[in-house]
Amino acid sequence: MRVTAKPFGTRILLPIVTIAFLALLSTTSLWEPNPSRISEETESTTVCFALIDTRIKEHHLEISRFFTPLQLTDYIQQELAKPEDEQSINDYETLSILITTHYAMKHGYKVFASNGEKYLPHRVSLRQNEYWGRVHFLQDLISSPETRCKWFAYADSDVFPWMNAHTVSLTDYFSTQNVALESYNYNERKQQLDKHKGYYPWHLQRESFIIGLNGQFEPRLGWPGTFLGNGSYYICSGLFFVRNDDIGRRLIRDWMYGAADFSHEERELHHLAGHTFAWDQRALNFGVFQRYVNVSSVYTFKQFHYKDGDAFRHVWSEFDAERVPMMQLALRELGLWPEE
């Protein structure tokens, strides 16, 4: 396991780290609010959603640029007028953009959507398959000063924001939720609650990465150790938030290319994750996340991205047949689906 106070290279031996990890949990200075940020950030932290799917047709990407709910309803109406086999609203990758765009409208966030075509040459040069598109997309967005985003929220196409039917902002959510017991800042958040009868507002929390535990997470081998080849995923890369700061930018760069201090085993796994293991999620779980665990807030599976949860709803592959019906129902409940 590798843990660093500023995760830029210090090597910690793997994998027996129970004593060291408990000591880290008692360290709180990293999570104290930074007064210099108070004047820089408002309570309404700017969030930009990043959505990418190779199946999205170019002319459907315009949904992310809509700015009124009426445009969303008109789009659905136009699709319903087409023959059923031509309707994009029968594709969950389009439905998730519609729902996410509505949530962004409600709370003043932005949405960037892509089908990943522009990243194909670079992916091929790195021998990475299409699942790595999310990392390339984020690298592109986080490197551009024109995006003007303090946070980037990535969500797979089978994820959509519910946040109590779009009435709860991300600021309200992250300012009122405790993190998972496994999260590095669990003790600090608990102290905030005990001392102030509430948590610090989101924009004062000292974190650069937010992610949820995997649904089948089992801490039987320790947390967050690097256990090469055991096949377990601790965290789920289907939904995460990365802060647009030096640490966040380095995290995405390390995820794409591998950290400079990777061991031989970690570098080999990162390479194989591009074309053999299929998912960039493995590279994140085994080598990258361990270097950023102490600047990350980790939330429980049911709290953060459960299929029937109140925050984000993640209709993962086990429930493939439910994706389209669930999202269409969500649009109806949000009042966006035209009346029959």
C-alpha atoms as a PDB file:
ATOM      1  CA  MET A   1       0.000   0.000   0.000  1.00  0.00           C
ATOM      2  CA  ARG A   2       1.172   3.517  -0.707  1.00  0.00           C
ATOM      3  CA  VAL A   3      -0.030   6.444   1.382  1.00  0.00           C
ATOM      4  CA  THR A   4       1.398   9.957   1.209  1.00  0.00           C
ATOM      5  CA  ALA A   5       0.601  13.161   3.073  1.00  0.00           C
ATOM      6  CA  LYS A   6       0.865  14.874  -0.285  1.00  0.00           C
ATOM      7  CA  PRO A   7       0.519  11.932  -2.665  1.00  0.00           C
ATOM      8  CA  PHE A   8       3.282  12.793  -5.019  1.00  0.00           C
ATOM      9  CA  GLY A   9       5.706   9.945  -4.634  1.00  0.00           C
ATOM     10  CA  THR A  10       6.635   8.818  -1.131  1.00  0.00           C
ATOM     11  CA  ARG A  11       6.706   5.053  -1.115  1.00  0.00           C
ATOM     12  CA  ILE A  12       5.076   3.057   1.665  1.00  0.00           C
ATOM     13  CA  LEU A  13       5.627  -0.675   1.765  1.00  0.00           C
ATOM     14  CA  LEU A  14       2.747  -3.047   0.926  1.00  0.00           C
ATOM     15  CA  PRO A  15       0.478  -4.607   2.041  1.00  0.00           C
ATOM     16  CA  ILE A  16       0.339  -5.060   5.863  1.00  0.00           C
ATOM     17  CA  VAL A  17      -0.639  -1.585   6.989  1.00  0.00           C
ATOM     18  CA  THR A  18      -3.186  -1.924   9.774  1.00  0.00           C
ATOM     19  CA  ILE A  19      -1.150  -0.096  12.411  1.00  0.00           C
ATOM     20  CA  ALA A  20      -0.074   2.619  10.017  1.00  0.00           C
ATOM     21  CA  PHE A  21      -3.606   3.108   8.760  1.00  0.00           C
ATOM     22  CA  LEU A  22      -5.020   3.469  12.275  1.00  0.00           C
ATOM     23  CA  ALA A  23      -2.392   6.084  12.959  1.00  0.00           C
ATOM     24  CA  LEU A  24      -3.388   7.920   9.815  1.00  0.00           C
ATOM     25  CA  LEU A  25      -7.012   7.938  10.922  1.00  0.00           C
ATOM     26  CA  SER A  26      -6.031   9.934  13.986  1.00  0.00           C
ATOM     27  CA  THR A  27      -4.355  12.600  11.852  1.00  0.00           C
ATOM     28  CA  THR A  28      -6.724  15.501  11.342  1.00  0.00           C
ATOM     29  CA  SER A  29      -4.702  18.485  10.205  1.00  0.00           C
ATOM     30  CA  LEU A  30      -5.229  17.745   6.526  1.00  0.00           C
ATOM     31  CA  TRP A  31      -8.985  18.065   6.986  1.00  0.00           C
ATOM     32  CA  GLU A  32      -9.123  21.342   8.881  1.00  0.00           C
ATOM     33  CA  PRO A  33     -10.760  24.081   6.807  1.00  0.00           C
ATOM     34  CA  ASN A  34      -8.371  26.352   4.952  1.00  0.00           C
ATOM     35  CA  PRO A  35      -9.237  30.029   5.656  1.00  0.00           C
ATOM     36  CA  SER A  36      -7.694  31.101   2.350  1.00  0.00           C
ATOM     37  CA  ARG A  37     -10.386  29.155   0.541  1.00  0.00           C
ATOM     38  CA  ILE A  38     -13.229  31.003   2.212  1.00  0.00           C
ATOM     39  CA  SER A  39     -12.739  34.073   0.042  1.00  0.00           C
ATOM     40  CA  GLU A  40     -12.053  31.987  -3.068  1.00  0.00           C
ATOM     41  CA  GLU A  41     -15.106  29.752  -3.039  1.00  0.00           C
ATOM     42  CA  THR A  42     -18.772  30.432  -2.525  1.00  0.00           C
ATOM     43  CA  GLU A  43     -21.162  28.022  -0.887  1.00  0.00           C
ATOM     44  CA  SER A  44     -22.533  27.162  -4.316  1.00  0.00           C
ATOM     45  CA  THR A  45     -19.488  25.273  -5.532  1.00  0.00           C
ATOM     46  CA  THR A  46     -19.333  25.076  -9.322  1.00  0.00           C
ATOM     47  CA  VAL A  47     -19.691  21.472 -10.503  1.00  0.00           C
ATOM     48  CA  CYS A  48     -19.359  20.196 -14.050  1.00  0.00           C
ATOM     49  CA  PHE A  49     -20.703  16.772 -14.964  1.00  0.00           C
ATOM     50  CA  ALA A  50     -18.636  14.782 -17.454  1.00  0.00           C
ATOM     51  CA  LEU A  51     -20.600  12.168 -19.405  1.00  0.00           C
ATOM     52  CA  ILE A  52     -19.026  10.005 -22.099  1.00  0.00           C
ATOM     53  CA  ASP A  53     -20.295   7.007 -24.046  1.00  0.00           C
ATOM     54  CA  THR A  54     -19.162   5.766 -27.454  1.00  0.00           C
ATOM     55  CA  ARG A  55     -22.771   4.903 -28.363  1.00  0.00           C
ATOM     56  CA  ILE A  56     -24.042   8.476 -28.152  1.00  0.00           C
ATOM     57  CA  LYS A  57     -24.760   9.933 -31.580  1.00  0.00           C
ATOM     58  CA  GLU A  58     -23.254  13.340 -32.311  1.00  0.00           C
ATOM     59  CA  HIS A  59     -26.585  15.163 -32.624  1.00  0.00           C
ATOM     60  CA  HIS A  60     -27.749  13.822 -29.236  1.00  0.00           C
ATOM     61  CA  LEU A  61     -24.844  15.511 -27.485  1.00  0.00           C
ATOM     62  CA  GLU A  62     -26.718  18.801 -27.841  1.00  0.00           C
ATOM     63  CA  ILE A  63     -28.919  17.751 -24.901  1.00  0.00           C
ATOM     64  CA  SER A  64     -26.137  18.741 -22.523  1.00  0.00           C
ATOM     65  CA  ARG A  65     -26.353  22.309 -23.857  1.00  0.00           C
ATOM     66  CA  PHE A  66     -30.082  22.731 -23.164  1.00  0.00           C
ATOM     67  CA  PHE A  67     -30.850  25.369 -20.549  1.00  0.00           C
ATOM     68  CA  THR A  68     -34.588  24.977 -19.824  1.00  0.00           C
ATOM     69  CA  PRO A  69     -36.715  21.974 -18.797  1.00  0.00           C
ATOM     70  CA  LEU A  70     -39.053  22.768 -21.711  1.00  0.00           C
ATOM     71  CA  GLN A  71     -36.242  21.943 -24.139  1.00  0.00           C
ATOM     72  CA  LEU A  72     -35.872  18.548 -22.505  1.00  0.00           C
ATOM     73  CA  THR A  73     -39.599  17.871 -22.773  1.00  0.00           C
ATOM     74  CA  ASP A  74     -39.660  19.024 -26.403  1.00  0.00           C
ATOM     75  CA  TYR A  75     -36.764  16.707 -27.201  1.00  0.00           C
ATOM     76  CA  ILE A  76     -38.586  13.736 -25.674  1.00  0.00           C
ATOM     77  CA  GLN A  77     -41.755  14.688 -27.562  1.00  0.00           C
ATOM     78  CA  GLN A  78     -39.861  14.791 -30.852  1.00  0.00           C
ATOM     79  CA  GLU A  79     -38.332  11.391 -30.182  1.00  0.00           C
ATOM     80  CA  LEU A  80     -41.726   9.874 -29.331  1.00  0.00           C
ATOM     81  CA  ALA A  81     -42.978  11.000 -32.727  1.00  0.00           C
ATOM     82  CA  LYS A  82     -40.390   8.803 -34.463  1.00  0.00           C
ATOM     83  CA  PRO A  83     -40.748   5.074 -35.160  1.00  0.00           C
ATOM     84  CA  GLU A  84     -39.941   3.206 -31.960  1.00  0.00           C
ATOM     85  CA  ASP A  85     -36.774   1.614 -33.296  1.00  0.00           C
ATOM     86  CA  GLU A  86     -35.380   5.085 -34.073  1.00  0.00           C
ATOM     87  CA  GLN A  87     -36.103   6.669 -30.685  1.00  0.00           C
ATOM     88  CA  SER A  88     -33.010   7.621 -28.706  1.00  0.00           C
ATOM     89  CA  ILE A  89     -35.137   7.696 -25.547  1.00  0.00           C
ATOM     90  CA  ASN A  90     -35.056   3.897 -25.620  1.00  0.00           C
ATOM     91  CA  ASP A  91     -31.294   4.076 -25.058  1.00  0.00           C
ATOM     92  CA  TYR A  92     -30.225   4.535 -21.445  1.00  0.00           C
ATOM     93  CA  GLU A  93     -27.105   6.459 -22.446  1.00  0.00           C
ATOM     94  CA  THR A  94     -29.378   9.211 -23.835  1.00  0.00           C
ATOM     95  CA  LEU A  95     -31.820   9.039 -20.936  1.00  0.00           C
ATOM     96  CA  SER A  96     -29.023   9.532 -18.406  1.00  0.00           C
ATOM     97  CA  ILE A  97     -27.948  12.737 -20.193  1.00  0.00           C
ATOM     98  CA  LEU A  98     -31.527  14.025 -20.075  1.00  0.00           C
ATOM     99  CA  ILE A  99     -31.838  13.363 -16.330  1.00  0.00           C
ATOM    100  CA  THR A 100     -28.394  14.706 -15.465  1.00  0.00           C
ATOM    101  CA  THR A 101     -28.944  17.849 -17.539  1.00  0.00           C
ATOM    102  CA  HIS A 102     -32.195  18.519 -15.697  1.00  0.00           C
ATOM    103  CA  TYR A 103     -30.463  18.151 -12.330  1.00  0.00           C
ATOM    104  CA  ALA A 104     -27.696  20.492 -13.481  1.00  0.00           C
ATOM    105  CA  MET A 105     -30.267  23.077 -14.594  1.00  0.00           C
ATOM    106  CA  LYS A 106     -31.926  23.003 -11.188  1.00  0.00           C
ATOM    107  CA  HIS A 107     -28.731  23.777  -9.301  1.00  0.00           C
ATOM    108  CA  GLY A 108     -26.626  25.850 -11.664  1.00  0.00           C
ATOM    109  CA  TYR A 109     -24.153  23.155 -12.736  1.00  0.00           C
ATOM    110  CA  LYS A 110     -22.711  22.453 -16.170  1.00  0.00           C
ATOM    111  CA  VAL A 111     -22.779  19.294 -18.278  1.00  0.00           C
ATOM    112  CA  PHE A 112     -20.110  18.219 -20.743  1.00  0.00           C
ATOM    113  CA  ALA A 113     -20.934  15.226 -22.935  1.00  0.00           C
ATOM    114  CA  SER A 114     -18.829  13.312 -25.443  1.00  0.00           C
ATOM    115  CA  ASN A 115     -18.858  10.131 -27.495  1.00  0.00           C
ATOM    116  CA  GLY A 116     -15.092   9.904 -27.166  1.00  0.00           C
ATOM    117  CA  GLU A 117     -14.233   9.987 -30.870  1.00  0.00           C
ATOM    118  CA  LYS A 118     -11.608  12.697 -30.451  1.00  0.00           C
ATOM    119  CA  TYR A 119      -9.726  10.574 -27.898  1.00  0.00           C
ATOM    120  CA  LEU A 120      -9.525   7.446 -30.056  1.00  0.00           C
ATOM    121  CA  PRO A 121      -6.038   8.100 -31.558  1.00  0.00           C
ATOM    122  CA  HIS A 122      -4.488   8.774 -28.147  1.00  0.00           C
ATOM    123  CA  ARG A 123      -6.170   5.754 -26.584  1.00  0.00           C
ATOM    124  CA  VAL A 124      -4.912   3.525 -29.360  1.00  0.00           C
ATOM    125  CA  SER A 125      -1.391   4.882 -28.979  1.00  0.00           C
ATOM    126  CA  LEU A 126      -1.500   3.918 -25.286  1.00  0.00           C
ATOM    127  CA  ARG A 127      -3.102   0.540 -26.085  1.00  0.00           C
ATOM    128  CA  GLN A 128      -6.142   1.414 -23.983  1.00  0.00           C
ATOM    129  CA  ASN A 129      -9.652   0.239 -24.818  1.00  0.00           C
ATOM    130  CA  GLU A 130     -12.809   2.345 -24.938  1.00  0.00           C
ATOM    131  CA  TYR A 131     -13.465   2.122 -21.199  1.00  0.00           C
ATOM    132  CA  TRP A 132     -10.514   4.450 -20.678  1.00  0.00           C
ATOM    133  CA  GLY A 133     -12.397   7.198 -22.494  1.00  0.00           C
ATOM    134  CA  ARG A 134     -13.594   8.657 -19.194  1.00  0.00           C
ATOM    135  CA  VAL A 135     -10.007   9.272 -18.068  1.00  0.00           C
ATOM    136  CA  HIS A 136      -9.078  10.915 -21.384  1.00  0.00           C
ATOM    137  CA  PHE A 137     -12.216  13.072 -21.272  1.00  0.00           C
ATOM    138  CA  LEU A 138     -11.467  14.243 -17.739  1.00  0.00           C
ATOM    139  CA  GLN A 139      -7.835  14.870 -18.594  1.00  0.00           C
ATOM    140  CA  ASP A 140      -9.031  17.080 -21.438  1.00  0.00           C
ATOM    141  CA  LEU A 141     -11.546  18.996 -19.299  1.00  0.00           C
ATOM    142  CA  ILE A 142      -9.383  19.412 -16.231  1.00  0.00           C
ATOM    143  CA  SER A 143      -6.496  20.712 -18.351  1.00  0.00           C
ATOM    144  CA  SER A 144      -8.602  23.470 -19.896  1.00  0.00           C
ATOM    145  CA  PRO A 145      -8.958  26.794 -18.032  1.00  0.00           C
ATOM    146  CA  GLU A 146     -12.033  27.538 -20.149  1.00  0.00           C
ATOM    147  CA  THR A 147     -14.208  24.991 -18.317  1.00  0.00           C
ATOM    148  CA  ARG A 148     -14.237  27.120 -15.140  1.00  0.00           C
ATOM    149  CA  CYS A 149     -15.179  24.182 -12.909  1.00  0.00           C
ATOM    150  CA  LYS A 150     -14.147  23.701  -9.285  1.00  0.00           C
ATOM    151  CA  TRP A 151     -15.263  20.065  -9.352  1.00  0.00           C
ATOM    152  CA  PHE A 152     -15.790  17.509 -12.106  1.00  0.00           C
ATOM    153  CA  ALA A 153     -18.411  14.816 -11.536  1.00  0.00           C
ATOM    154  CA  TYR A 154     -18.043  11.739 -13.696  1.00  0.00           C
ATOM    155  CA  ALA A 155     -20.964   9.310 -14.039  1.00  0.00           C
ATOM    156  CA  ASP A 156     -21.335   6.173 -16.164  1.00  0.00           C
ATOM    157  CA  SER A 157     -24.323   5.996 -18.494  1.00  0.00           C
ATOM    158  CA  ASP A 158     -26.112   3.637 -16.094  1.00  0.00           C
ATOM    159  CA  VAL A 159     -25.925   6.252 -13.313  1.00  0.00           C
ATOM    160  CA  PHE A 160     -28.261   9.207 -12.848  1.00  0.00           C
ATOM    161  CA  PRO A 161     -28.704  11.794 -10.082  1.00  0.00           C
ATOM    162  CA  TRP A 162     -31.796  11.378  -7.929  1.00  0.00           C
ATOM    163  CA  MET A 163     -30.925  13.524  -4.898  1.00  0.00           C
ATOM    164  CA  ASN A 164     -34.460  13.250  -3.613  1.00  0.00           C
ATOM    165  CA  ALA A 165     -35.933  13.965  -7.045  1.00  0.00           C
ATOM    166  CA  HIS A 166     -33.575  16.855  -7.831  1.00  0.00           C
ATOM    167  CA  THR A 167     -34.451  19.064  -4.854  1.00  0.00           C
ATOM    168  CA  VAL A 168     -31.166  18.536  -2.993  1.00  0.00           C
ATOM    169  CA  SER A 169     -28.013  20.191  -4.294  1.00  0.00           C
ATOM    170  CA  LEU A 170     -24.578  18.608  -4.155  1.00  0.00           C
ATOM    171  CA  THR A 171     -23.546  21.290  -1.667  1.00  0.00           C
ATOM    172  CA  ASP A 172     -26.424  20.358   0.650  1.00  0.00           C
ATOM    173  CA  TYR A 173     -25.718  16.654   0.250  1.00  0.00           C
ATOM    174  CA  PHE A 174     -21.968  16.691   0.894  1.00  0.00           C
ATOM    175  CA  SER A 175     -22.392  19.197   3.732  1.00  0.00           C
ATOM    176  CA  THR A 176     -24.736  16.864   5.639  1.00  0.00           C
ATOM    177  CA  GLN A 177     -23.453  13.326   5.013  1.00  0.00           C
ATOM    178  CA  ASN A 178     -20.927  11.357   6.996  1.00  0.00           C
ATOM    179  CA  VAL A 179     -18.334   9.366   5.094  1.00  0.00           C
ATOM    180  CA  ALA A 180     -17.825   5.605   5.227  1.00  0.00           C
ATOM    181  CA  LEU A 181     -15.963   4.124   8.176  1.00  0.00           C
ATOM    182  CA  GLU A 182     -13.154   3.208   5.780  1.00  0.00           C
ATOM    183  CA  SER A 183     -12.706   6.810   4.652  1.00  0.00           C
ATOM    184  CA  TYR A 184      -9.489   8.440   5.814  1.00  0.00           C
ATOM    185  CA  ASN A 185     -11.331  11.455   7.224  1.00  0.00           C
ATOM    186  CA  TYR A 186     -14.039   9.506   9.081  1.00  0.00           C
ATOM    187  CA  ASN A 187     -12.770  10.530  12.526  1.00  0.00           C
ATOM    188  CA  GLU A 188     -12.382  14.160  11.515  1.00  0.00           C
ATOM    189  CA  ARG A 189     -15.928  14.306  10.151  1.00  0.00           C
ATOM    190  CA  LYS A 190     -17.214  12.717  13.342  1.00  0.00           C
ATOM    191  CA  GLN A 191     -15.379  15.370  15.381  1.00  0.00           C
ATOM    192  CA  GLN A 192     -17.005  18.078  13.265  1.00  0.00           C
ATOM    193  CA  LEU A 193     -20.425  16.624  14.024  1.00  0.00           C
ATOM    194  CA  ASP A 194     -19.745  16.269  17.748  1.00  0.00           C
ATOM    195  CA  LYS A 195     -18.260  19.755  18.100  1.00  0.00           C
ATOM    196  CA  HIS A 196     -20.462  21.784  15.766  1.00  0.00           C
ATOM    197  CA  LYS A 197     -23.627  19.642  15.608  1.00  0.00           C
ATOM    198  CA  GLY A 198     -23.032  19.435  11.869  1.00  0.00           C
ATOM    199  CA  TYR A 199     -20.317  19.032   9.248  1.00  0.00           C
ATOM    200  CA  TYR A 200     -18.311  21.807   7.650  1.00  0.00           C
ATOM    201  CA  PRO A 201     -19.923  23.066   4.419  1.00  0.00           C
ATOM    202  CA  TRP A 202     -18.742  21.194   1.350  1.00  0.00           C
ATOM    203  CA  HIS A 203     -16.652  24.057   0.033  1.00  0.00           C
ATOM    204  CA  LEU A 204     -14.598  24.014   3.264  1.00  0.00           C
ATOM    205  CA  GLN A 205     -13.934  20.284   3.261  1.00  0.00           C
ATOM    206  CA  ARG A 206     -10.317  19.439   2.435  1.00  0.00           C
ATOM    207  CA  GLU A 207     -10.761  16.695  -0.144  1.00  0.00           C
ATOM    208  CA  SER A 208      -9.749  16.354  -3.785  1.00  0.00           C
ATOM    209  CA  PHE A 209     -11.492  13.094  -4.647  1.00  0.00           C
ATOM    210  CA  ILE A 210     -14.924  11.691  -3.744  1.00  0.00           C
ATOM    211  CA  ILE A 211     -15.955   8.137  -4.551  1.00  0.00           C
ATOM    212  CA  GLY A 212     -18.186   5.320  -3.305  1.00  0.00           C
ATOM    213  CA  LEU A 213     -17.328   1.833  -2.128  1.00  0.00           C
ATOM    214  CA  ASN A 214     -17.997  -0.983  -4.552  1.00  0.00           C
ATOM    215  CA  GLY A 215     -21.200  -2.927  -3.996  1.00  0.00           C
ATOM    216  CA  GLN A 216     -19.355  -6.144  -3.190  1.00  0.00           C
ATOM    217  CA  PHE A 217     -16.713  -4.428  -1.066  1.00  0.00           C
ATOM    218  CA  GLU A 218     -15.186  -6.683   1.562  1.00  0.00           C
ATOM    219  CA  PRO A 219     -12.377  -5.278   3.704  1.00  0.00           C
ATOM    220  CA  ARG A 220     -11.165  -8.804   4.498  1.00  0.00           C
ATOM    221  CA  LEU A 221      -7.705  -8.127   3.056  1.00  0.00           C
ATOM    222  CA  GLY A 222      -7.270  -4.706   4.594  1.00  0.00           C
ATOM    223  CA  TRP A 223      -7.912  -1.182   3.411  1.00  0.00           C
ATOM    224  CA  PRO A 224      -6.843   0.337   1.126  1.00  0.00           C
ATOM    225  CA  GLY A 225      -3.944  -2.026   0.429  1.00  0.00           C
ATOM    226  CA  THR A 226      -2.676  -2.928  -3.016  1.00  0.00           C
ATOM    227  CA  PHE A 227      -3.344  -6.615  -3.509  1.00  0.00           C
ATOM    228  CA  LEU A 228      -2.267  -7.337  -7.032  1.00  0.00           C
ATOM    229  CA  GLY A 229      -4.311  -9.912  -8.852  1.00  0.00           C
ATOM    230  CA  ASN A 230      -6.885 -10.762  -6.157  1.00  0.00           C
ATOM    231  CA  GLY A 231      -9.720  -9.557  -8.391  1.00  0.00           C
ATOM    232  CA  SER A 232     -11.435  -7.376  -5.757  1.00  0.00           C
ATOM    233  CA  TYR A 233     -12.506  -3.809  -6.404  1.00  0.00           C
ATOM    234  CA  TYR A 234     -12.654  -1.616  -3.328  1.00  0.00           C
ATOM    235  CA  ILE A 235     -14.115   1.455  -4.981  1.00  0.00           C
ATOM    236  CA  CYS A 236     -16.405   1.944  -7.985  1.00  0.00           C
ATOM    237  CA  SER A 237     -15.259   4.235 -10.797  1.00  0.00           C
ATOM    238  CA  GLY A 238     -18.791   4.450 -12.222  1.00  0.00           C
ATOM    239  CA  LEU A 239     -19.350   7.629 -10.193  1.00  0.00           C
ATOM    240  CA  PHE A 240     -16.773   9.945  -8.669  1.00  0.00           C
ATOM    241  CA  PHE A 241     -15.889  13.612  -8.134  1.00  0.00           C
ATOM    242  CA  VAL A 242     -12.450  15.094  -8.674  1.00  0.00           C
ATOM    243  CA  ARG A 243     -11.503  18.598  -7.587  1.00  0.00           C
ATOM    244  CA  ASN A 244      -9.956  20.867 -10.185  1.00  0.00           C
ATOM    245  CA  ASP A 245      -6.786  21.523  -8.200  1.00  0.00           C
ATOM    246  CA  ASP A 246      -3.170  20.363  -8.384  1.00  0.00           C
ATOM    247  CA  ILE A 247      -3.915  17.100  -6.580  1.00  0.00           C
ATOM    248  CA  GLY A 248      -6.975  16.312  -8.689  1.00  0.00           C
ATOM    249  CA  ARG A 249      -5.101  16.993 -11.900  1.00  0.00           C
ATOM    250  CA  ARG A 250      -2.218  14.786 -10.792  1.00  0.00           C
ATOM    251  CA  LEU A 251      -4.612  11.982  -9.855  1.00  0.00           C
ATOM    252  CA  ILE A 252      -6.148  11.944 -13.332  1.00  0.00           C
ATOM    253  CA  ARG A 253      -2.702  12.070 -14.936  1.00  0.00           C
ATOM    254  CA  ASP A 254      -1.455   9.181 -12.782  1.00  0.00           C
ATOM    255  CA  TRP A 255      -4.590   7.222 -13.613  1.00  0.00           C
ATOM    256  CA  MET A 256      -4.019   7.667 -17.339  1.00  0.00           C
ATOM    257  CA  TYR A 257      -0.263   7.133 -17.517  1.00  0.00           C
ATOM    258  CA  GLY A 258       0.636   5.496 -14.206  1.00  0.00           C
ATOM    259  CA  ALA A 259       2.361   7.133 -11.234  1.00  0.00           C
ATOM    260  CA  ALA A 260       6.055   7.933 -11.503  1.00  0.00           C
ATOM    261  CA  ASP A 261       6.816   5.763  -8.454  1.00  0.00           C
ATOM    262  CA  PHE A 262       4.818   2.712  -9.567  1.00  0.00           C
ATOM    263  CA  SER A 263       6.444  -0.583  -8.680  1.00  0.00           C
ATOM    264  CA  HIS A 264       7.139  -3.000 -11.509  1.00  0.00           C
ATOM    265  CA  GLU A 265       4.035  -5.015 -10.574  1.00  0.00           C
ATOM    266  CA  GLU A 266       1.812  -1.922 -10.473  1.00  0.00           C
ATOM    267  CA  ARG A 267       3.092  -0.674 -13.812  1.00  0.00           C
ATOM    268  CA  GLU A 268       2.516  -4.060 -15.419  1.00  0.00           C
ATOM    269  CA  LEU A 269      -1.035  -4.209 -14.056  1.00  0.00           C
ATOM    270  CA  HIS A 270      -1.720  -0.662 -15.280  1.00  0.00           C
ATOM    271  CA  HIS A 271      -0.510  -1.674 -18.729  1.00  0.00           C
ATOM    272  CA  LEU A 272      -2.624  -4.840 -18.810  1.00  0.00           C
ATOM    273  CA  ALA A 273      -5.707  -2.948 -17.598  1.00  0.00           C
ATOM    274  CA  GLY A 274      -5.667  -1.122 -20.908  1.00  0.00           C
ATOM    275  CA  HIS A 275      -6.390  -4.124 -23.085  1.00  0.00           C
ATOM    276  CA  THR A 276      -6.588  -7.363 -21.076  1.00  0.00           C
ATOM    277  CA  PHE A 277      -8.593  -6.668 -17.924  1.00  0.00           C
ATOM    278  CA  ALA A 278     -10.862  -4.310 -19.878  1.00  0.00           C
ATOM    279  CA  TRP A 279     -11.503  -1.724 -17.166  1.00  0.00           C
ATOM    280  CA  ASP A 280      -9.564   1.311 -16.093  1.00  0.00           C
ATOM    281  CA  GLN A 281     -11.309   0.672 -12.766  1.00  0.00           C
ATOM    282  CA  ARG A 282      -8.687  -1.958 -11.989  1.00  0.00           C
ATOM    283  CA  ALA A 283      -5.872   0.524 -12.524  1.00  0.00           C
ATOM    284  CA  LEU A 284      -7.611   2.953 -10.159  1.00  0.00           C
ATOM    285  CA  ASN A 285      -8.110   0.309  -7.478  1.00  0.00           C
ATOM    286  CA  PHE A 286      -4.646  -1.184  -7.618  1.00  0.00           C
ATOM    287  CA  GLY A 287      -1.990   1.471  -7.508  1.00  0.00           C
ATOM    288  CA  VAL A 288      -3.584   4.874  -8.129  1.00  0.00           C
ATOM    289  CA  PHE A 289      -6.129   5.271  -5.335  1.00  0.00           C
ATOM    290  CA  GLN A 290      -3.624   4.164  -2.681  1.00  0.00           C
ATOM    291  CA  ARG A 291      -1.573   7.277  -3.444  1.00  0.00           C
ATOM    292  CA  TYR A 292      -4.562   9.570  -2.871  1.00  0.00           C
ATOM    293  CA  VAL A 293      -6.450   7.834  -0.079  1.00  0.00           C
ATOM    294  CA  ASN A 294      -5.664  10.605   2.414  1.00  0.00           C
ATOM    295  CA  VAL A 295      -7.198  13.321   0.248  1.00  0.00           C
ATOM    296  CA  SER A 296     -10.297  11.273  -0.626  1.00  0.00           C
ATOM    297  CA  SER A 297     -13.770  11.114   0.894  1.00  0.00           C
ATOM    298  CA  VAL A 298     -15.249   7.644   0.515  1.00  0.00           C
ATOM    299  CA  TYR A 299     -18.973   6.999   0.868  1.00  0.00           C
ATOM    300  CA  THR A 300     -20.837   3.740   1.374  1.00  0.00           C
ATOM    301  CA  PHE A 301     -22.372   1.932  -1.551  1.00  0.00           C
ATOM    302  CA  LYS A 302     -26.002   2.309  -0.448  1.00  0.00           C
ATOM    303  CA  GLN A 303     -25.467   5.897   0.643  1.00  0.00           C
ATOM    304  CA  PHE A 304     -23.869   7.089  -2.593  1.00  0.00           C
ATOM    305  CA  HIS A 305     -24.820   5.052  -5.673  1.00  0.00           C
ATOM    306  CA  TYR A 306     -27.348   2.384  -4.775  1.00  0.00           C
ATOM    307  CA  LYS A 307     -29.874   1.361  -7.430  1.00  0.00           C
ATOM    308  CA  ASP A 308     -32.867   2.527  -5.383  1.00  0.00           C
ATOM    309  CA  GLY A 309     -31.081   5.174  -3.329  1.00  0.00           C
ATOM    310  CA  ASP A 310     -31.802   8.851  -2.731  1.00  0.00           C
ATOM    311  CA  ALA A 311     -28.466  10.260  -3.945  1.00  0.00           C
ATOM    312  CA  PHE A 312     -27.356   8.759  -7.263  1.00  0.00           C
ATOM    313  CA  ARG A 313     -29.016   5.701  -8.737  1.00  0.00           C
ATOM    314  CA  HIS A 314     -26.640   3.194 -10.282  1.00  0.00           C
ATOM    315  CA  VAL A 315     -28.416   0.546 -12.348  1.00  0.00           C
ATOM    316  CA  TRP A 316     -25.399  -1.675 -12.851  1.00  0.00           C
ATOM    317  CA  SER A 317     -25.101  -4.520 -15.363  1.00  0.00           C
ATOM    318  CA  GLU A 318     -26.831  -7.091 -13.165  1.00  0.00           C
ATOM    319  CA  PHE A 319     -30.026  -5.072 -13.731  1.00  0.00           C
ATOM    320  CA  ASP A 320     -29.466  -4.245 -17.392  1.00  0.00           C
ATOM    321  CA  ALA A 321     -33.117  -4.836 -18.338  1.00  0.00           C
ATOM    322  CA  GLU A 322     -34.264  -2.283 -15.744  1.00  0.00           C
ATOM    323  CA  ARG A 323     -32.133   0.620 -16.941  1.00  0.00           C
ATOM    324  CA  VAL A 324     -34.425   2.092 -19.595  1.00  0.00           C
ATOM    325  CA  PRO A 325     -37.714   1.584 -17.651  1.00  0.00           C
ATOM    326  CA  MET A 326     -36.198   3.097 -14.491  1.00  0.00           C
ATOM    327  CA  MET A 327     -34.875   6.153 -16.295  1.00  0.00           C
ATOM    328  CA  GLN A 328     -38.079   6.710 -18.251  1.00  0.00           C
ATOM    329  CA  LEU A 329     -40.018   6.492 -14.983  1.00  0.00           C
ATOM    330  CA  ALA A 330     -37.619   8.996 -13.419  1.00  0.00           C
ATOM    331  CA  LEU A 331     -38.300  11.456 -16.244  1.00  0.00           C
ATOM    332  CA  ARG A 332     -42.032  11.034 -15.676  1.00  0.00           C
ATOM    333  CA  GLU A 333     -41.675  11.644 -11.945  1.00  0.00           C
ATOM    334  CA  LEU A 334     -39.629  14.750 -12.699  1.00  0.00           C
ATOM    335  CA  GLY A 335     -42.449  16.034 -14.904  1.00  0.00           C
ATOM    336  CA  LEU A 336     -40.368  15.967 -18.096  1.00  0.00           C
ATOM    337  CA  TRP A 337     -42.069  13.128 -19.936  1.00  0.00           C
ATOM    338  CA  PRO A 338     -45.011  14.397 -22.006  1.00  0.00           C
ATOM    339  CA  GLU A 339     -48.471  13.294 -20.898  1.00  0.00           C
ATOM    340  CA  GLU A 340     -49.891  10.338 -22.789  1.00  0.00           C
END
